[in-house]
Structure formats: C-alpha cells, structure tokens
Amino acid sequence: MARKYYTLLERCPEAHTWSPQFGDYDRNVVVEEGQSMRDSVGFTVPKGTKFKIICTTAKQADVDAAVAALNS
C-alpha cells in the first residue's frame, strides 16, 4: 500500500477554487504549516482564505485528481 501523503490546500476568496500549497508525509508538519498560514490571514494571506488538508498518495496525479474533484 502506498504511503499517505498530506497536502494543505488553500481557497482564496477571489479564486473560488482550491489549490495545493504544501505537502508532507507527516500530517503534523502539514498542520503546523497550515497554522502558520492561518496566522498570516489579513497580512500576507487575503482575509476570507480557507484551508483544508487532504490525504492521497504522493503521486502528483493523485493530488491533482483530488483537488479537481473538490473544485468540480
């Protein structure tokens, strides 16, 4: 079985679509990065930005497919 890969997604209010921002095999590392980005909302990250963590394999095609499914 493939190793789990966690990807932090961001949805800016202007874009209305999810986009990958950061990924790692360790979910705690991704959670920490997400918290850092949440702390930046209103400064370097636009207000109203939402974040989500997804789990896939590390294959880019799998990450892309999961993001595409969220955006459809």
C-alpha atoms as a PDB file:
ATOM      1  CA  MET A   1       0.000   0.000   0.000  1.00  0.00           C
ATOM      2  CA  ALA A   2       1.227   3.486  -0.851  1.00  0.00           C
ATOM      3  CA  ARG A   3       2.304   5.796   1.927  1.00  0.00           C
ATOM      4  CA  LYS A   4      -0.166   8.510   2.937  1.00  0.00           C
ATOM      5  CA  TYR A   5       0.712  11.983   1.724  1.00  0.00           C
ATOM      6  CA  TYR A   6      -0.946  15.062   3.209  1.00  0.00           C
ATOM      7  CA  THR A   7      -1.486  18.238   1.229  1.00  0.00           C
ATOM      8  CA  LEU A   8      -2.529  21.624   2.570  1.00  0.00           C
ATOM      9  CA  LEU A   9      -4.992  23.312   0.253  1.00  0.00           C
ATOM     10  CA  GLU A  10      -5.872  26.992   0.172  1.00  0.00           C
ATOM     11  CA  ARG A  11      -9.040  28.598  -1.158  1.00  0.00           C
ATOM     12  CA  CYS A  12      -8.737  32.357  -1.616  1.00  0.00           C
ATOM     13  CA  PRO A  13     -11.965  34.366  -1.747  1.00  0.00           C
ATOM     14  CA  GLU A  14     -11.150  35.716  -5.231  1.00  0.00           C
ATOM     15  CA  ALA A  15     -10.220  32.362  -6.774  1.00  0.00           C
ATOM     16  CA  HIS A  16     -13.152  30.224  -5.560  1.00  0.00           C
ATOM     17  CA  THR A  17     -11.014  27.134  -6.207  1.00  0.00           C
ATOM     18  CA  TRP A  18      -8.769  25.020  -4.006  1.00  0.00           C
ATOM     19  CA  SER A  19      -5.048  24.972  -4.758  1.00  0.00           C
ATOM     20  CA  PRO A  20      -2.210  22.966  -3.161  1.00  0.00           C
ATOM     21  CA  GLN A  21       0.196  24.983  -1.024  1.00  0.00           C
ATOM     22  CA  PHE A  22       2.272  22.465   0.922  1.00  0.00           C
ATOM     23  CA  GLY A  23       2.642  18.704   1.284  1.00  0.00           C
ATOM     24  CA  ASP A  24       4.416  16.191   3.500  1.00  0.00           C
ATOM     25  CA  TYR A  25       4.206  12.577   4.637  1.00  0.00           C
ATOM     26  CA  ASP A  26       3.865  13.781   8.243  1.00  0.00           C
ATOM     27  CA  ARG A  27       0.395  15.195   8.922  1.00  0.00           C
ATOM     28  CA  ASN A  28       1.660  17.144  11.953  1.00  0.00           C
ATOM     29  CA  VAL A  29       4.097  19.050   9.737  1.00  0.00           C
ATOM     30  CA  VAL A  30       1.228  19.959   7.381  1.00  0.00           C
ATOM     31  CA  VAL A  31      -0.953  21.025  10.336  1.00  0.00           C
ATOM     32  CA  GLU A  32       1.856  23.287  11.580  1.00  0.00           C
ATOM     33  CA  GLU A  33       2.273  24.850   8.136  1.00  0.00           C
ATOM     34  CA  GLY A  34      -1.477  25.393   7.967  1.00  0.00           C
ATOM     35  CA  GLN A  35      -1.455  27.129  11.335  1.00  0.00           C
ATOM     36  CA  SER A  36       1.368  29.363  10.181  1.00  0.00           C
ATOM     37  CA  MET A  37      -0.635  30.305   7.087  1.00  0.00           C
ATOM     38  CA  ARG A  38      -3.789  30.896   9.177  1.00  0.00           C
ATOM     39  CA  ASP A  39      -1.775  33.247  11.380  1.00  0.00           C
ATOM     40  CA  SER A  40      -0.896  35.213   8.221  1.00  0.00           C
ATOM     41  CA  VAL A  41      -4.517  35.795   7.147  1.00  0.00           C
ATOM     42  CA  GLY A  42      -5.007  39.511   6.734  1.00  0.00           C
ATOM     43  CA  PHE A  43      -1.286  40.135   6.362  1.00  0.00           C
ATOM     44  CA  THR A  44       0.305  38.073   3.575  1.00  0.00           C
ATOM     45  CA  VAL A  45      -2.769  35.864   3.020  1.00  0.00           C
ATOM     46  CA  PRO A  46      -6.067  37.507   1.964  1.00  0.00           C
ATOM     47  CA  LYS A  47      -8.898  37.697   4.507  1.00  0.00           C
ATOM     48  CA  GLY A  48     -11.529  35.055   3.925  1.00  0.00           C
ATOM     49  CA  THR A  49      -8.992  32.442   2.843  1.00  0.00           C
ATOM     50  CA  LYS A  50      -9.915  28.893   3.837  1.00  0.00           C
ATOM     51  CA  PHE A  51      -7.612  25.922   4.372  1.00  0.00           C
ATOM     52  CA  LYS A  52      -8.105  22.168   4.138  1.00  0.00           C
ATOM     53  CA  ILE A  53      -5.863  19.110   4.434  1.00  0.00           C
ATOM     54  CA  ILE A  54      -6.365  16.186   2.076  1.00  0.00           C
ATOM     55  CA  CYS A  55      -4.755  12.746   2.107  1.00  0.00           C
ATOM     56  CA  THR A  56      -3.658  10.979  -1.080  1.00  0.00           C
ATOM     57  CA  THR A  57      -0.583   9.168  -2.338  1.00  0.00           C
ATOM     58  CA  ALA A  58       2.438  11.319  -3.140  1.00  0.00           C
ATOM     59  CA  LYS A  59       1.848  10.956  -6.877  1.00  0.00           C
ATOM     60  CA  GLN A  60       1.167  14.375  -8.360  1.00  0.00           C
ATOM     61  CA  ALA A  61      -1.617  12.898 -10.495  1.00  0.00           C
ATOM     62  CA  ASP A  62      -3.423  11.706  -7.345  1.00  0.00           C
ATOM     63  CA  VAL A  63      -3.100  15.104  -5.659  1.00  0.00           C
ATOM     64  CA  ASP A  64      -4.302  16.829  -8.849  1.00  0.00           C
ATOM     65  CA  ALA A  65      -7.294  14.469  -9.140  1.00  0.00           C
ATOM     66  CA  ALA A  66      -8.334  15.068  -5.520  1.00  0.00           C
ATOM     67  CA  VAL A  67      -8.088  18.841  -5.963  1.00  0.00           C
ATOM     68  CA  ALA A  68     -10.009  18.689  -9.243  1.00  0.00           C
ATOM     69  CA  ALA A  69     -12.774  16.706  -7.520  1.00  0.00           C
ATOM     70  CA  LEU A  70     -13.064  19.380  -4.824  1.00  0.00           C
ATOM     71  CA  ASN A  71     -13.217  22.117  -7.451  1.00  0.00           C
ATOM     72  CA  SER A  72     -15.903  20.463  -9.602  1.00  0.00           C
END
